Amino acid sequence: MDFRLSTQHQDGHALLTLEGELDLGSKVQFVDSVFELVRAGSRTVRADLRGLTFCDSSGLSGLILASTICRNAGGSFSVFGAQEGVAEVLTLTGLDRALVDSGAAQSD
């Protein structure tokens, strides 16, 4: 499945919606998008992972890099909505504790 990414600005933050597979082939697109958002002034970036069906080690490193980019700019990065296999990978790696926004509204 292809990777799709869309961006919205909501309530003072940028919201990225990820769909498909976050892997070696899509990591650069994702990280570039986060970098551009930060460069344009967004400091709080949230990623909706409900549509993400796969995330490998390259995708995980992209999520970590996104967090680093935001933190270095004085902001924050968080994810929410991970389903099934993606949620399991986040849990197994401990990234659920580091990146998951437990306060995110499910209606976003």
C-alpha atoms as a PDB file:
ATOM      1  CA  MET A   1       0.000   0.000   0.000  1.00  0.00           C
ATOM      2  CA  ASP A   2       1.196   3.490  -0.803  1.00  0.00           C
ATOM      3  CA  PHE A   3       1.901   6.146   1.791  1.00  0.00           C
ATOM      4  CA  ARG A   4      -0.282   9.239   1.995  1.00  0.00           C
ATOM      5  CA  LEU A   5       0.144  12.226   4.245  1.00  0.00           C
ATOM      6  CA  SER A   6      -2.121  15.212   4.724  1.00  0.00           C
ATOM      7  CA  THR A   7      -1.684  18.286   6.892  1.00  0.00           C
ATOM      8  CA  GLN A   8      -4.188  20.445   8.729  1.00  0.00           C
ATOM      9  CA  HIS A   9      -3.769  23.241  11.215  1.00  0.00           C
ATOM     10  CA  GLN A  10      -6.042  22.879  14.269  1.00  0.00           C
ATOM     11  CA  ASP A  11      -6.221  24.584  17.645  1.00  0.00           C
ATOM     12  CA  GLY A  12      -2.711  26.017  17.477  1.00  0.00           C
ATOM     13  CA  HIS A  13      -0.968  22.883  16.235  1.00  0.00           C
ATOM     14  CA  ALA A  14      -0.274  21.044  13.018  1.00  0.00           C
ATOM     15  CA  LEU A  15      -2.043  17.744  12.502  1.00  0.00           C
ATOM     16  CA  LEU A  16      -0.519  15.189  10.133  1.00  0.00           C
ATOM     17  CA  THR A  17      -2.712  12.314   9.017  1.00  0.00           C
ATOM     18  CA  LEU A  18      -0.697   9.293   7.908  1.00  0.00           C
ATOM     19  CA  GLU A  19      -2.138   6.493   5.792  1.00  0.00           C
ATOM     20  CA  GLY A  20      -0.565   3.349   4.395  1.00  0.00           C
ATOM     21  CA  GLU A  21       2.955   2.206   5.188  1.00  0.00           C
ATOM     22  CA  LEU A  22       5.617   4.224   6.995  1.00  0.00           C
ATOM     23  CA  ASP A  23       8.829   2.535   5.933  1.00  0.00           C
ATOM     24  CA  LEU A  24      12.136   3.220   4.203  1.00  0.00           C
ATOM     25  CA  GLY A  25      10.341   4.431   1.080  1.00  0.00           C
ATOM     26  CA  SER A  26       8.107   6.948   2.891  1.00  0.00           C
ATOM     27  CA  LYS A  27      10.275   8.050   5.818  1.00  0.00           C
ATOM     28  CA  VAL A  28      11.876  10.951   3.926  1.00  0.00           C
ATOM     29  CA  GLN A  29       8.506  12.343   2.826  1.00  0.00           C
ATOM     30  CA  PHE A  30       7.236  12.193   6.409  1.00  0.00           C
ATOM     31  CA  VAL A  31      10.342  13.749   7.998  1.00  0.00           C
ATOM     32  CA  ASP A  32      10.507  16.445   5.312  1.00  0.00           C
ATOM     33  CA  SER A  33       6.875  17.323   6.033  1.00  0.00           C
ATOM     34  CA  VAL A  34       7.568  17.695   9.756  1.00  0.00           C
ATOM     35  CA  PHE A  35      10.665  19.778   9.045  1.00  0.00           C
ATOM     36  CA  GLU A  36       8.711  22.079   6.718  1.00  0.00           C
ATOM     37  CA  LEU A  37       5.944  22.526   9.293  1.00  0.00           C
ATOM     38  CA  VAL A  38       8.480  23.496  11.950  1.00  0.00           C
ATOM     39  CA  ARG A  39      10.320  25.772   9.545  1.00  0.00           C
ATOM     40  CA  ALA A  40       7.005  27.501   8.784  1.00  0.00           C
ATOM     41  CA  GLY A  41       6.432  28.138  12.483  1.00  0.00           C
ATOM     42  CA  SER A  42       4.499  25.137  13.809  1.00  0.00           C
ATOM     43  CA  ARG A  43       5.994  24.032  17.097  1.00  0.00           C
ATOM     44  CA  THR A  44       3.388  21.481  18.166  1.00  0.00           C
ATOM     45  CA  VAL A  45       2.926  18.656  15.670  1.00  0.00           C
ATOM     46  CA  ARG A  46       0.550  15.742  16.217  1.00  0.00           C
ATOM     47  CA  ALA A  47       0.336  12.699  13.958  1.00  0.00           C
ATOM     48  CA  ASP A  48      -2.864  10.709  13.510  1.00  0.00           C
ATOM     49  CA  LEU A  49      -1.809   7.104  12.892  1.00  0.00           C
ATOM     50  CA  ARG A  50      -5.287   5.573  12.549  1.00  0.00           C
ATOM     51  CA  GLY A  51      -4.772   5.013   8.817  1.00  0.00           C
ATOM     52  CA  LEU A  52      -1.240   3.654   9.157  1.00  0.00           C
ATOM     53  CA  THR A  53      -1.220  -0.059   8.358  1.00  0.00           C
ATOM     54  CA  PHE A  54       2.510  -0.768   8.701  1.00  0.00           C
ATOM     55  CA  CYS A  55       5.557   0.761  10.371  1.00  0.00           C
ATOM     56  CA  ASP A  56       9.014  -0.776  10.219  1.00  0.00           C
ATOM     57  CA  SER A  57      12.288   0.290  11.848  1.00  0.00           C
ATOM     58  CA  SER A  58      12.778   3.045   9.266  1.00  0.00           C
ATOM     59  CA  GLY A  59       9.321   4.384  10.067  1.00  0.00           C
ATOM     60  CA  LEU A  60      10.083   4.247  13.787  1.00  0.00           C
ATOM     61  CA  SER A  61      13.292   6.182  13.233  1.00  0.00           C
ATOM     62  CA  GLY A  62      11.252   8.733  11.277  1.00  0.00           C
ATOM     63  CA  LEU A  63       8.913   9.178  14.249  1.00  0.00           C
ATOM     64  CA  ILE A  64      11.895   9.638  16.569  1.00  0.00           C
ATOM     65  CA  LEU A  65      13.479  12.121  14.176  1.00  0.00           C
ATOM     66  CA  ALA A  66      10.194  14.053  13.954  1.00  0.00           C
ATOM     67  CA  SER A  67      10.158  14.297  17.745  1.00  0.00           C
ATOM     68  CA  THR A  68      13.766  15.511  17.772  1.00  0.00           C
ATOM     69  CA  ILE A  69      13.075  18.154  15.103  1.00  0.00           C
ATOM     70  CA  CYS A  70      10.127  19.519  17.086  1.00  0.00           C
ATOM     71  CA  ARG A  71      11.952  19.451  20.436  1.00  0.00           C
ATOM     72  CA  ASN A  72      14.992  21.207  18.956  1.00  0.00           C
ATOM     73  CA  ALA A  73      12.646  23.972  17.784  1.00  0.00           C
ATOM     74  CA  GLY A  74      11.203  24.316  21.292  1.00  0.00           C
ATOM     75  CA  GLY A  75       8.038  22.380  20.506  1.00  0.00           C
ATOM     76  CA  SER A  76       6.635  18.903  20.781  1.00  0.00           C
ATOM     77  CA  PHE A  77       5.641  15.934  18.638  1.00  0.00           C
ATOM     78  CA  SER A  78       3.112  13.265  19.543  1.00  0.00           C
ATOM     79  CA  VAL A  79       1.140  10.491  17.878  1.00  0.00           C
ATOM     80  CA  PHE A  80      -2.300   9.036  18.490  1.00  0.00           C
ATOM     81  CA  GLY A  81      -4.695   6.492  17.059  1.00  0.00           C
ATOM     82  CA  ALA A  82      -2.243   3.688  16.262  1.00  0.00           C
ATOM     83  CA  GLN A  83      -4.096   0.479  15.413  1.00  0.00           C
ATOM     84  CA  GLU A  84      -3.232  -3.225  15.663  1.00  0.00           C
ATOM     85  CA  GLY A  85       0.277  -3.963  14.370  1.00  0.00           C
ATOM     86  CA  VAL A  86       1.436  -0.358  14.486  1.00  0.00           C
ATOM     87  CA  ALA A  87       0.249  -0.021  18.101  1.00  0.00           C
ATOM     88  CA  GLU A  88       2.048  -3.257  18.946  1.00  0.00           C
ATOM     89  CA  VAL A  89       5.323  -2.034  17.419  1.00  0.00           C
ATOM     90  CA  LEU A  90       5.070   1.239  19.366  1.00  0.00           C
ATOM     91  CA  THR A  91       4.462  -0.715  22.574  1.00  0.00           C
ATOM     92  CA  LEU A  92       7.262  -3.238  21.989  1.00  0.00           C
ATOM     93  CA  THR A  93       9.780  -0.473  21.344  1.00  0.00           C
ATOM     94  CA  GLY A  94       8.627   1.750  24.207  1.00  0.00           C
ATOM     95  CA  LEU A  95       7.713   4.546  21.828  1.00  0.00           C
ATOM     96  CA  ASP A  96       4.139   4.377  23.090  1.00  0.00           C
ATOM     97  CA  ARG A  97       5.372   5.946  26.331  1.00  0.00           C
ATOM     98  CA  ALA A  98       7.605   8.462  24.567  1.00  0.00           C
ATOM     99  CA  LEU A  99       5.357   9.629  21.733  1.00  0.00           C
ATOM    100  CA  VAL A 100       1.721   8.695  22.307  1.00  0.00           C
ATOM    101  CA  ASP A 101      -0.568  11.588  23.155  1.00  0.00           C
ATOM    102  CA  SER A 102      -2.957   9.929  25.587  1.00  0.00           C
ATOM    103  CA  GLY A 103      -5.027  13.102  25.785  1.00  0.00           C
ATOM    104  CA  ALA A 104      -5.761  13.311  22.065  1.00  0.00           C
ATOM    105  CA  ALA A 105      -9.427  13.451  21.253  1.00  0.00           C
ATOM    106  CA  GLN A 106     -10.494  10.551  19.093  1.00  0.00           C
ATOM    107  CA  SER A 107     -12.684  12.862  17.021  1.00  0.00           C
ATOM    108  CA  ASP A 108      -9.674  14.738  15.580  1.00  0.00           C
END
